[in-house]
Amino acid sequence: MQWIIPCDLNYYDAISAFSSLKTIDWRQNNRYAVGDTVFIYASAPYQKIMFKTKVLAVDLLYEDTIDDFTFWKVPVDEREKEKRKSRRYVRLQLIKFLECDDLGLESLLKQGLKKAPQGAVKCQNDKLQLGEYIEKYFAQDTLDDKLDVIEEDNYYEGNSVEVQLNRYERSVEAREKCIEFHGCHCKICGFDFEEVYGDAGRGFIHVHHIVPISEVKEEYLVNYQKDLIPVCPNCHAIIHRRKKPYTVQELKQILRIRK
């Protein structure tokens, strides 16, 4: 099944979210199935379909969703936060991003779309055959893609968390001091990039905030010995896989059980 859903980029920065996270969790208002294609229509001022995504999971609980608060441009009040906790979510993986005038609203209306999407729209029924029209543009390699074709990868999830850390902490020095104090091996699984990759991996590691910046909600003095910890991208991604991040102790316990 193919769908079109709307997104207001003035409200939610889906471009940055997909660039960093590769997958995002969307409010589930329809009967999506794993494997469905979901095209995301960016509303004014863009007014065009800009994303092709694939459904990876359905019926996700709020506590199992990926933390993407960084990308919301409009503050969310407490009442709305409570509402979100009772909803179900669908996980979307970015397949391709592009900007193409032929996927603009005017062209879509000529292909049978009745109006700018306000909710989920099926791309195909007895009167509407949008799916093939949209798909042919995403299939053209000559279009100006700003993001490459993406496959789900824990390394990139780790990267997204590091961007969040640097954005809120704003202290490269604290990160360097953390690595100098703790070393460059992962404090959860023990992985050492230099040991595996040689010179190419020397000095590379992610740094994790033990207490998320989002919970502190204010600027504070970072203790690089106690507040920060070096972790590999895989462990970093798993820590932030759910809305309430796993603690270092929880992830170590998971690894012990798996071994």
C-alpha atoms as a PDB file:
ATOM      1  CA  MET A   1       0.000   0.000   0.000  1.00  0.00           C
ATOM      2  CA  GLN A   2       1.136   3.549  -0.770  1.00  0.00           C
ATOM      3  CA  TRP A   3       0.148   6.581   1.302  1.00  0.00           C
ATOM      4  CA  ILE A   4       0.627  10.337   1.349  1.00  0.00           C
ATOM      5  CA  ILE A   5       0.792  12.111   4.710  1.00  0.00           C
ATOM      6  CA  PRO A   6       1.274  15.841   5.362  1.00  0.00           C
ATOM      7  CA  CYS A   7       4.027  17.480   7.386  1.00  0.00           C
ATOM      8  CA  ASP A   8       4.421  21.134   8.323  1.00  0.00           C
ATOM      9  CA  LEU A   9       8.180  21.754   8.217  1.00  0.00           C
ATOM     10  CA  ASN A  10       7.624  25.012  10.080  1.00  0.00           C
ATOM     11  CA  TYR A  11       6.405  22.913  13.001  1.00  0.00           C
ATOM     12  CA  TYR A  12       8.561  19.797  12.718  1.00  0.00           C
ATOM     13  CA  ASP A  13      11.980  19.796  11.016  1.00  0.00           C
ATOM     14  CA  ALA A  14      11.625  16.469   9.209  1.00  0.00           C
ATOM     15  CA  ILE A  15      14.624  17.197   6.963  1.00  0.00           C
ATOM     16  CA  SER A  16      17.018  17.435   9.913  1.00  0.00           C
ATOM     17  CA  ALA A  17      15.255  14.613  11.753  1.00  0.00           C
ATOM     18  CA  PHE A  18      15.671  12.167   8.880  1.00  0.00           C
ATOM     19  CA  SER A  19      19.205  13.372   8.203  1.00  0.00           C
ATOM     20  CA  SER A  20      20.205  12.617  11.786  1.00  0.00           C
ATOM     21  CA  LEU A  21      17.964   9.765  12.862  1.00  0.00           C
ATOM     22  CA  LYS A  22      17.225   8.005   9.537  1.00  0.00           C
ATOM     23  CA  THR A  23      13.981   6.745  11.106  1.00  0.00           C
ATOM     24  CA  ILE A  24      11.251   8.740  12.846  1.00  0.00           C
ATOM     25  CA  ASP A  25       8.101   7.737  14.712  1.00  0.00           C
ATOM     26  CA  TRP A  26       4.858   9.234  13.436  1.00  0.00           C
ATOM     27  CA  ARG A  27       1.443   9.380  15.043  1.00  0.00           C
ATOM     28  CA  GLN A  28      -0.523   6.396  13.753  1.00  0.00           C
ATOM     29  CA  ASN A  29      -3.986   7.398  12.553  1.00  0.00           C
ATOM     30  CA  ASN A  30      -4.416   4.743   9.879  1.00  0.00           C
ATOM     31  CA  ARG A  31      -4.014   1.038   9.340  1.00  0.00           C
ATOM     32  CA  TYR A  32      -0.491   1.012   8.022  1.00  0.00           C
ATOM     33  CA  ALA A  33       1.279  -2.295   7.481  1.00  0.00           C
ATOM     34  CA  VAL A  34       4.968  -3.079   7.734  1.00  0.00           C
ATOM     35  CA  GLY A  35       6.462  -2.583   4.276  1.00  0.00           C
ATOM     36  CA  ASP A  36       3.970   0.083   3.159  1.00  0.00           C
ATOM     37  CA  THR A  37       5.368   3.089   1.306  1.00  0.00           C
ATOM     38  CA  VAL A  38       4.588   6.494   2.823  1.00  0.00           C
ATOM     39  CA  PHE A  39       5.260   9.669   0.830  1.00  0.00           C
ATOM     40  CA  ILE A  40       5.481  12.786   2.983  1.00  0.00           C
ATOM     41  CA  TYR A  41       3.988  15.985   1.596  1.00  0.00           C
ATOM     42  CA  ALA A  42       5.585  19.186   2.929  1.00  0.00           C
ATOM     43  CA  SER A  43       2.952  21.873   3.349  1.00  0.00           C
ATOM     44  CA  ALA A  44       3.398  25.615   2.643  1.00  0.00           C
ATOM     45  CA  PRO A  45       5.684  27.164   1.654  1.00  0.00           C
ATOM     46  CA  TYR A  46       6.996  23.989  -0.061  1.00  0.00           C
ATOM     47  CA  GLN A  47       3.700  22.364  -1.107  1.00  0.00           C
ATOM     48  CA  LYS A  48       5.270  19.270  -2.601  1.00  0.00           C
ATOM     49  CA  ILE A  49       6.046  15.650  -1.804  1.00  0.00           C
ATOM     50  CA  MET A  50       9.648  15.567  -0.577  1.00  0.00           C
ATOM     51  CA  PHE A  51      10.176  12.237   1.192  1.00  0.00           C
ATOM     52  CA  LYS A  52       9.729   8.595   0.352  1.00  0.00           C
ATOM     53  CA  THR A  53       9.677   6.367   3.432  1.00  0.00           C
ATOM     54  CA  LYS A  54       8.985   2.761   4.333  1.00  0.00           C
ATOM     55  CA  VAL A  55       7.011   1.492   7.334  1.00  0.00           C
ATOM     56  CA  LEU A  56       9.303  -0.477   9.632  1.00  0.00           C
ATOM     57  CA  ALA A  57       6.966  -1.003  12.594  1.00  0.00           C
ATOM     58  CA  VAL A  58       3.383  -0.247  13.651  1.00  0.00           C
ATOM     59  CA  ASP A  59       1.487   0.094  16.935  1.00  0.00           C
ATOM     60  CA  LEU A  60       4.495   1.426  18.834  1.00  0.00           C
ATOM     61  CA  LEU A  61       3.875   2.658  22.369  1.00  0.00           C
ATOM     62  CA  TYR A  62       5.042   6.149  23.284  1.00  0.00           C
ATOM     63  CA  GLU A  63       7.768   4.849  25.611  1.00  0.00           C
ATOM     64  CA  ASP A  64       9.225   2.817  22.739  1.00  0.00           C
ATOM     65  CA  THR A  65       9.468   5.725  20.312  1.00  0.00           C
ATOM     66  CA  ILE A  66      12.677   7.454  19.259  1.00  0.00           C
ATOM     67  CA  ASP A  67      13.414  10.715  21.067  1.00  0.00           C
ATOM     68  CA  ASP A  68      13.141  13.447  18.433  1.00  0.00           C
ATOM     69  CA  PHE A  69      12.267  16.442  20.627  1.00  0.00           C
ATOM     70  CA  THR A  70      15.229  18.345  19.165  1.00  0.00           C
ATOM     71  CA  PHE A  71      13.431  18.715  15.852  1.00  0.00           C
ATOM     72  CA  TRP A  72      10.153  20.193  17.110  1.00  0.00           C
ATOM     73  CA  LYS A  73      10.217  23.919  16.369  1.00  0.00           C
ATOM     74  CA  VAL A  74       7.107  24.743  18.402  1.00  0.00           C
ATOM     75  CA  PRO A  75       7.182  24.081  22.176  1.00  0.00           C
ATOM     76  CA  VAL A  76       4.908  21.250  23.308  1.00  0.00           C
ATOM     77  CA  ASP A  77       2.832  21.990  26.401  1.00  0.00           C
ATOM     78  CA  GLU A  78       2.231  19.481  29.195  1.00  0.00           C
ATOM     79  CA  ARG A  79      -1.312  18.704  28.062  1.00  0.00           C
ATOM     80  CA  GLU A  80      -0.107  17.726  24.604  1.00  0.00           C
ATOM     81  CA  LYS A  81       2.701  15.640  26.108  1.00  0.00           C
ATOM     82  CA  GLU A  82       0.137  13.654  28.099  1.00  0.00           C
ATOM     83  CA  LYS A  83      -1.965  13.095  24.981  1.00  0.00           C
ATOM     84  CA  ARG A  84       1.041  11.740  23.136  1.00  0.00           C
ATOM     85  CA  LYS A  85       1.605   9.111  25.814  1.00  0.00           C
ATOM     86  CA  SER A  86      -1.757   7.496  25.032  1.00  0.00           C
ATOM     87  CA  ARG A  87      -1.250   7.317  21.260  1.00  0.00           C
ATOM     88  CA  ARG A  88       0.207   4.637  19.003  1.00  0.00           C
ATOM     89  CA  TYR A  89       2.991   5.329  16.530  1.00  0.00           C
ATOM     90  CA  VAL A  90       4.358   4.048  13.229  1.00  0.00           C
ATOM     91  CA  ARG A  91       8.094   3.953  12.505  1.00  0.00           C
ATOM     92  CA  LEU A  92       9.142   5.377   9.138  1.00  0.00           C
ATOM     93  CA  GLN A  93      12.521   4.776   7.513  1.00  0.00           C
ATOM     94  CA  LEU A  94      13.777   7.326   5.002  1.00  0.00           C
ATOM     95  CA  ILE A  95      14.268   5.841   1.555  1.00  0.00           C
ATOM     96  CA  LYS A  96      14.855   9.019  -0.436  1.00  0.00           C
ATOM     97  CA  PHE A  97      14.585  12.794  -0.201  1.00  0.00           C
ATOM     98  CA  LEU A  98      14.242  15.117  -3.159  1.00  0.00           C
ATOM     99  CA  GLU A  99      12.840  18.437  -4.271  1.00  0.00           C
ATOM    100  CA  CYS A 100      11.028  18.174  -7.606  1.00  0.00           C
ATOM    101  CA  ASP A 101       8.509  20.615  -9.070  1.00  0.00           C
ATOM    102  CA  ASP A 102       6.665  17.726 -10.733  1.00  0.00           C
ATOM    103  CA  LEU A 103       5.711  16.547  -7.242  1.00  0.00           C
ATOM    104  CA  GLY A 104       4.295  19.950  -6.329  1.00  0.00           C
ATOM    105  CA  LEU A 105       0.662  20.456  -5.399  1.00  0.00           C
ATOM    106  CA  GLU A 106      -0.351  21.800  -8.828  1.00  0.00           C
ATOM    107  CA  SER A 107       0.981  18.689 -10.563  1.00  0.00           C
ATOM    108  CA  LEU A 108      -0.549  16.356  -7.973  1.00  0.00           C
ATOM    109  CA  LEU A 109      -3.955  17.980  -8.444  1.00  0.00           C
ATOM    110  CA  LYS A 110      -3.696  17.326 -12.183  1.00  0.00           C
ATOM    111  CA  GLN A 111      -3.076  13.660 -11.371  1.00  0.00           C
ATOM    112  CA  GLY A 112      -6.331  13.409  -9.413  1.00  0.00           C
ATOM    113  CA  LEU A 113      -5.496  14.544  -5.899  1.00  0.00           C
ATOM    114  CA  LYS A 114      -8.495  16.539  -4.658  1.00  0.00           C
ATOM    115  CA  LYS A 115      -6.702  18.976  -2.391  1.00  0.00           C
ATOM    116  CA  ALA A 116      -3.562  19.487  -0.346  1.00  0.00           C
ATOM    117  CA  PRO A 117      -3.353  16.530   2.063  1.00  0.00           C
ATOM    118  CA  GLN A 118      -4.706  17.297   5.524  1.00  0.00           C
ATOM    119  CA  GLY A 119      -4.429  13.691   6.670  1.00  0.00           C
ATOM    120  CA  ALA A 120      -3.336  10.340   5.273  1.00  0.00           C
ATOM    121  CA  VAL A 121      -4.360   9.711   1.658  1.00  0.00           C
ATOM    122  CA  LYS A 122      -4.158   6.389  -0.156  1.00  0.00           C
ATOM    123  CA  CYS A 123      -2.298   6.728  -3.436  1.00  0.00           C
ATOM    124  CA  GLN A 124      -4.504   4.274  -5.294  1.00  0.00           C
ATOM    125  CA  ASN A 125      -8.199   3.502  -5.446  1.00  0.00           C
ATOM    126  CA  ASP A 126     -10.825   3.267  -8.184  1.00  0.00           C
ATOM    127  CA  LYS A 127     -10.407   6.932  -9.141  1.00  0.00           C
ATOM    128  CA  LEU A 128      -6.892   7.755  -7.979  1.00  0.00           C
ATOM    129  CA  GLN A 129      -3.633   6.343  -9.393  1.00  0.00           C
ATOM    130  CA  LEU A 130      -1.008   8.574  -7.839  1.00  0.00           C
ATOM    131  CA  GLY A 131       1.433   5.926  -6.719  1.00  0.00           C
ATOM    132  CA  GLU A 132       2.978   5.195 -10.110  1.00  0.00           C
ATOM    133  CA  TYR A 133       3.220   8.884 -10.961  1.00  0.00           C
ATOM    134  CA  ILE A 134       5.070   9.725  -7.726  1.00  0.00           C
ATOM    135  CA  GLU A 135       7.242   6.635  -7.793  1.00  0.00           C
ATOM    136  CA  LYS A 136       8.721   7.349 -11.219  1.00  0.00           C
ATOM    137  CA  TYR A 137      10.283  10.596  -9.963  1.00  0.00           C
ATOM    138  CA  PHE A 138      11.832   8.988  -6.888  1.00  0.00           C
ATOM    139  CA  ALA A 139      13.247   6.292  -9.180  1.00  0.00           C
ATOM    140  CA  GLN A 140      15.167   8.791 -11.310  1.00  0.00           C
ATOM    141  CA  ASP A 141      18.794   9.025 -10.182  1.00  0.00           C
ATOM    142  CA  THR A 142      19.293  12.309 -12.037  1.00  0.00           C
ATOM    143  CA  LEU A 143      17.193  14.303  -9.609  1.00  0.00           C
ATOM    144  CA  ASP A 144      18.873  16.628  -7.140  1.00  0.00           C
ATOM    145  CA  ASP A 145      18.909  14.562  -3.962  1.00  0.00           C
ATOM    146  CA  LYS A 146      20.005  16.349  -0.817  1.00  0.00           C
ATOM    147  CA  LEU A 147      20.074  13.129   1.187  1.00  0.00           C
ATOM    148  CA  ASP A 148      21.348   9.828  -0.104  1.00  0.00           C
ATOM    149  CA  VAL A 149      19.287   6.642  -0.128  1.00  0.00           C
ATOM    150  CA  ILE A 150      19.325   5.533   3.491  1.00  0.00           C
ATOM    151  CA  GLU A 151      19.364   2.102   5.045  1.00  0.00           C
ATOM    152  CA  GLU A 152      18.716   1.622   8.748  1.00  0.00           C
ATOM    153  CA  ASP A 153      22.040   1.494  10.543  1.00  0.00           C
ATOM    154  CA  ASN A 154      22.829   1.763  14.234  1.00  0.00           C
ATOM    155  CA  TYR A 155      25.991   3.739  13.471  1.00  0.00           C
ATOM    156  CA  TYR A 156      23.930   6.582  12.124  1.00  0.00           C
ATOM    157  CA  GLU A 157      21.517   6.444  15.048  1.00  0.00           C
ATOM    158  CA  GLY A 158      24.580   6.888  17.220  1.00  0.00           C
ATOM    159  CA  ASN A 159      25.586   9.887  15.139  1.00  0.00           C
ATOM    160  CA  SER A 160      22.229  11.523  15.690  1.00  0.00           C
ATOM    161  CA  VAL A 161      22.616  11.315  19.423  1.00  0.00           C
ATOM    162  CA  GLU A 162      26.069  12.831  19.238  1.00  0.00           C
ATOM    163  CA  VAL A 163      24.682  15.779  17.288  1.00  0.00           C
ATOM    164  CA  GLN A 164      22.098  16.246  20.005  1.00  0.00           C
ATOM    165  CA  LEU A 165      24.797  16.148  22.675  1.00  0.00           C
ATOM    166  CA  ASN A 166      27.007  18.705  20.973  1.00  0.00           C
ATOM    167  CA  ARG A 167      24.057  20.964  20.244  1.00  0.00           C
ATOM    168  CA  TYR A 168      22.923  21.182  23.847  1.00  0.00           C
ATOM    169  CA  GLU A 169      26.162  20.797  25.718  1.00  0.00           C
ATOM    170  CA  ARG A 170      28.112  23.097  23.423  1.00  0.00           C
ATOM    171  CA  SER A 171      31.385  21.968  24.977  1.00  0.00           C
ATOM    172  CA  VAL A 172      33.921  20.298  22.744  1.00  0.00           C
ATOM    173  CA  GLU A 173      36.458  20.674  25.549  1.00  0.00           C
ATOM    174  CA  ALA A 174      34.303  18.629  27.954  1.00  0.00           C
ATOM    175  CA  ARG A 175      34.050  15.889  25.334  1.00  0.00           C
ATOM    176  CA  GLU A 176      37.813  15.838  24.850  1.00  0.00           C
ATOM    177  CA  LYS A 177      38.412  15.806  28.611  1.00  0.00           C
ATOM    178  CA  CYS A 178      35.991  12.890  28.965  1.00  0.00           C
ATOM    179  CA  ILE A 179      37.921  10.866  26.378  1.00  0.00           C
ATOM    180  CA  GLU A 180      41.243  11.844  27.941  1.00  0.00           C
ATOM    181  CA  PHE A 181      40.023  10.647  31.346  1.00  0.00           C
ATOM    182  CA  HIS A 182      38.084   7.498  30.352  1.00  0.00           C
ATOM    183  CA  GLY A 183      39.905   6.489  27.171  1.00  0.00           C
ATOM    184  CA  CYS A 184      38.528   5.711  23.694  1.00  0.00           C
ATOM    185  CA  HIS A 185      36.995   2.291  24.320  1.00  0.00           C
ATOM    186  CA  CYS A 186      33.259   1.815  24.863  1.00  0.00           C
ATOM    187  CA  LYS A 187      32.447   1.701  28.579  1.00  0.00           C
ATOM    188  CA  ILE A 188      29.495  -0.602  27.898  1.00  0.00           C
ATOM    189  CA  CYS A 189      30.702  -3.279  25.473  1.00  0.00           C
ATOM    190  CA  GLY A 190      34.450  -2.565  25.463  1.00  0.00           C
ATOM    191  CA  PHE A 191      34.759  -1.943  21.716  1.00  0.00           C
ATOM    192  CA  ASP A 192      37.954  -0.100  20.710  1.00  0.00           C
ATOM    193  CA  PHE A 193      38.054   1.413  17.202  1.00  0.00           C
ATOM    194  CA  GLU A 194      41.840   1.650  17.045  1.00  0.00           C
ATOM    195  CA  GLU A 195      42.183  -1.985  18.069  1.00  0.00           C
ATOM    196  CA  VAL A 196      39.919  -3.066  15.198  1.00  0.00           C
ATOM    197  CA  TYR A 197      40.623  -0.434  12.493  1.00  0.00           C
ATOM    198  CA  GLY A 198      44.146   0.684  13.316  1.00  0.00           C
ATOM    199  CA  ASP A 199      45.089   4.288  12.550  1.00  0.00           C
ATOM    200  CA  ALA A 200      41.734   4.932  10.879  1.00  0.00           C
ATOM    201  CA  GLY A 201      39.974   4.324  14.183  1.00  0.00           C
ATOM    202  CA  ARG A 202      42.399   6.089  16.516  1.00  0.00           C
ATOM    203  CA  GLY A 203      40.683   8.589  18.801  1.00  0.00           C
ATOM    204  CA  PHE A 204      37.174   7.846  17.509  1.00  0.00           C
ATOM    205  CA  ILE A 205      34.349   7.287  19.997  1.00  0.00           C
ATOM    206  CA  HIS A 206      30.971   8.794  20.874  1.00  0.00           C
ATOM    207  CA  VAL A 207      30.384  10.600  24.154  1.00  0.00           C
ATOM    208  CA  HIS A 208      27.107  10.040  26.008  1.00  0.00           C
ATOM    209  CA  HIS A 209      25.431  12.264  28.587  1.00  0.00           C
ATOM    210  CA  ILE A 210      24.523   9.972  31.490  1.00  0.00           C
ATOM    211  CA  VAL A 211      21.735  12.388  32.450  1.00  0.00           C
ATOM    212  CA  PRO A 212      20.113  13.597  29.181  1.00  0.00           C
ATOM    213  CA  ILE A 213      20.272  17.334  28.545  1.00  0.00           C
ATOM    214  CA  SER A 214      16.530  17.256  27.909  1.00  0.00           C
ATOM    215  CA  GLU A 215      15.972  16.294  31.548  1.00  0.00           C
ATOM    216  CA  VAL A 216      18.254  19.010  32.910  1.00  0.00           C
ATOM    217  CA  LYS A 217      16.502  21.686  30.793  1.00  0.00           C
ATOM    218  CA  GLU A 218      18.998  24.376  31.702  1.00  0.00           C
ATOM    219  CA  GLU A 219      22.656  25.225  31.285  1.00  0.00           C
ATOM    220  CA  TYR A 220      24.866  23.665  33.937  1.00  0.00           C
ATOM    221  CA  LEU A 221      28.515  22.921  34.695  1.00  0.00           C
ATOM    222  CA  VAL A 222      29.472  19.592  33.128  1.00  0.00           C
ATOM    223  CA  ASN A 223      31.583  17.178  35.146  1.00  0.00           C
ATOM    224  CA  TYR A 224      33.400  15.305  32.401  1.00  0.00           C
ATOM    225  CA  GLN A 225      34.357  12.475  34.767  1.00  0.00           C
ATOM    226  CA  LYS A 226      30.867  11.757  36.107  1.00  0.00           C
ATOM    227  CA  ASP A 227      28.381  13.271  33.633  1.00  0.00           C
ATOM    228  CA  LEU A 228      29.927  11.981  30.393  1.00  0.00           C
ATOM    229  CA  ILE A 229      30.930   8.504  29.267  1.00  0.00           C
ATOM    230  CA  PRO A 230      32.533   7.200  26.042  1.00  0.00           C
ATOM    231  CA  VAL A 231      30.377   4.684  24.175  1.00  0.00           C
ATOM    232  CA  CYS A 232      30.522   3.101  20.729  1.00  0.00           C
ATOM    233  CA  PRO A 233      27.908   4.166  18.125  1.00  0.00           C
ATOM    234  CA  ASN A 234      25.988   0.879  18.457  1.00  0.00           C
ATOM    235  CA  CYS A 235      25.577   1.143  22.214  1.00  0.00           C
ATOM    236  CA  HIS A 236      24.814   4.860  21.875  1.00  0.00           C
ATOM    237  CA  ALA A 237      22.045   4.158  19.385  1.00  0.00           C
ATOM    238  CA  ILE A 238      20.482   1.465  21.568  1.00  0.00           C
ATOM    239  CA  ILE A 239      20.608   3.719  24.640  1.00  0.00           C
ATOM    240  CA  HIS A 240      18.388   6.207  22.805  1.00  0.00           C
ATOM    241  CA  ARG A 241      16.218   3.605  21.056  1.00  0.00           C
ATOM    242  CA  ARG A 242      13.326   4.268  23.414  1.00  0.00           C
ATOM    243  CA  LYS A 243      11.771   7.510  24.673  1.00  0.00           C
ATOM    244  CA  LYS A 244      13.241   7.027  28.158  1.00  0.00           C
ATOM    245  CA  PRO A 245      16.876   6.167  27.379  1.00  0.00           C
ATOM    246  CA  TYR A 246      18.361   2.969  28.751  1.00  0.00           C
ATOM    247  CA  THR A 247      20.795   3.505  31.588  1.00  0.00           C
ATOM    248  CA  VAL A 248      24.371   2.316  31.250  1.00  0.00           C
ATOM    249  CA  GLN A 249      23.653  -0.353  33.860  1.00  0.00           C
ATOM    250  CA  GLU A 250      20.539  -1.568  32.004  1.00  0.00           C
ATOM    251  CA  LEU A 251      22.442  -1.943  28.745  1.00  0.00           C
ATOM    252  CA  LYS A 252      25.320  -3.760  30.458  1.00  0.00           C
ATOM    253  CA  GLN A 253      22.780  -6.156  31.953  1.00  0.00           C
ATOM    254  CA  ILE A 254      21.227  -6.768  28.532  1.00  0.00           C
ATOM    255  CA  LEU A 255      24.663  -7.614  27.148  1.00  0.00           C
ATOM    256  CA  ARG A 256      25.369 -10.005  30.036  1.00  0.00           C
ATOM    257  CA  ILE A 257      22.093 -11.823  29.403  1.00  0.00           C
ATOM    258  CA  ARG A 258      22.744 -12.036  25.665  1.00  0.00           C
ATOM    259  CA  LYS A 259      26.203 -13.494  26.230  1.00  0.00           C
END
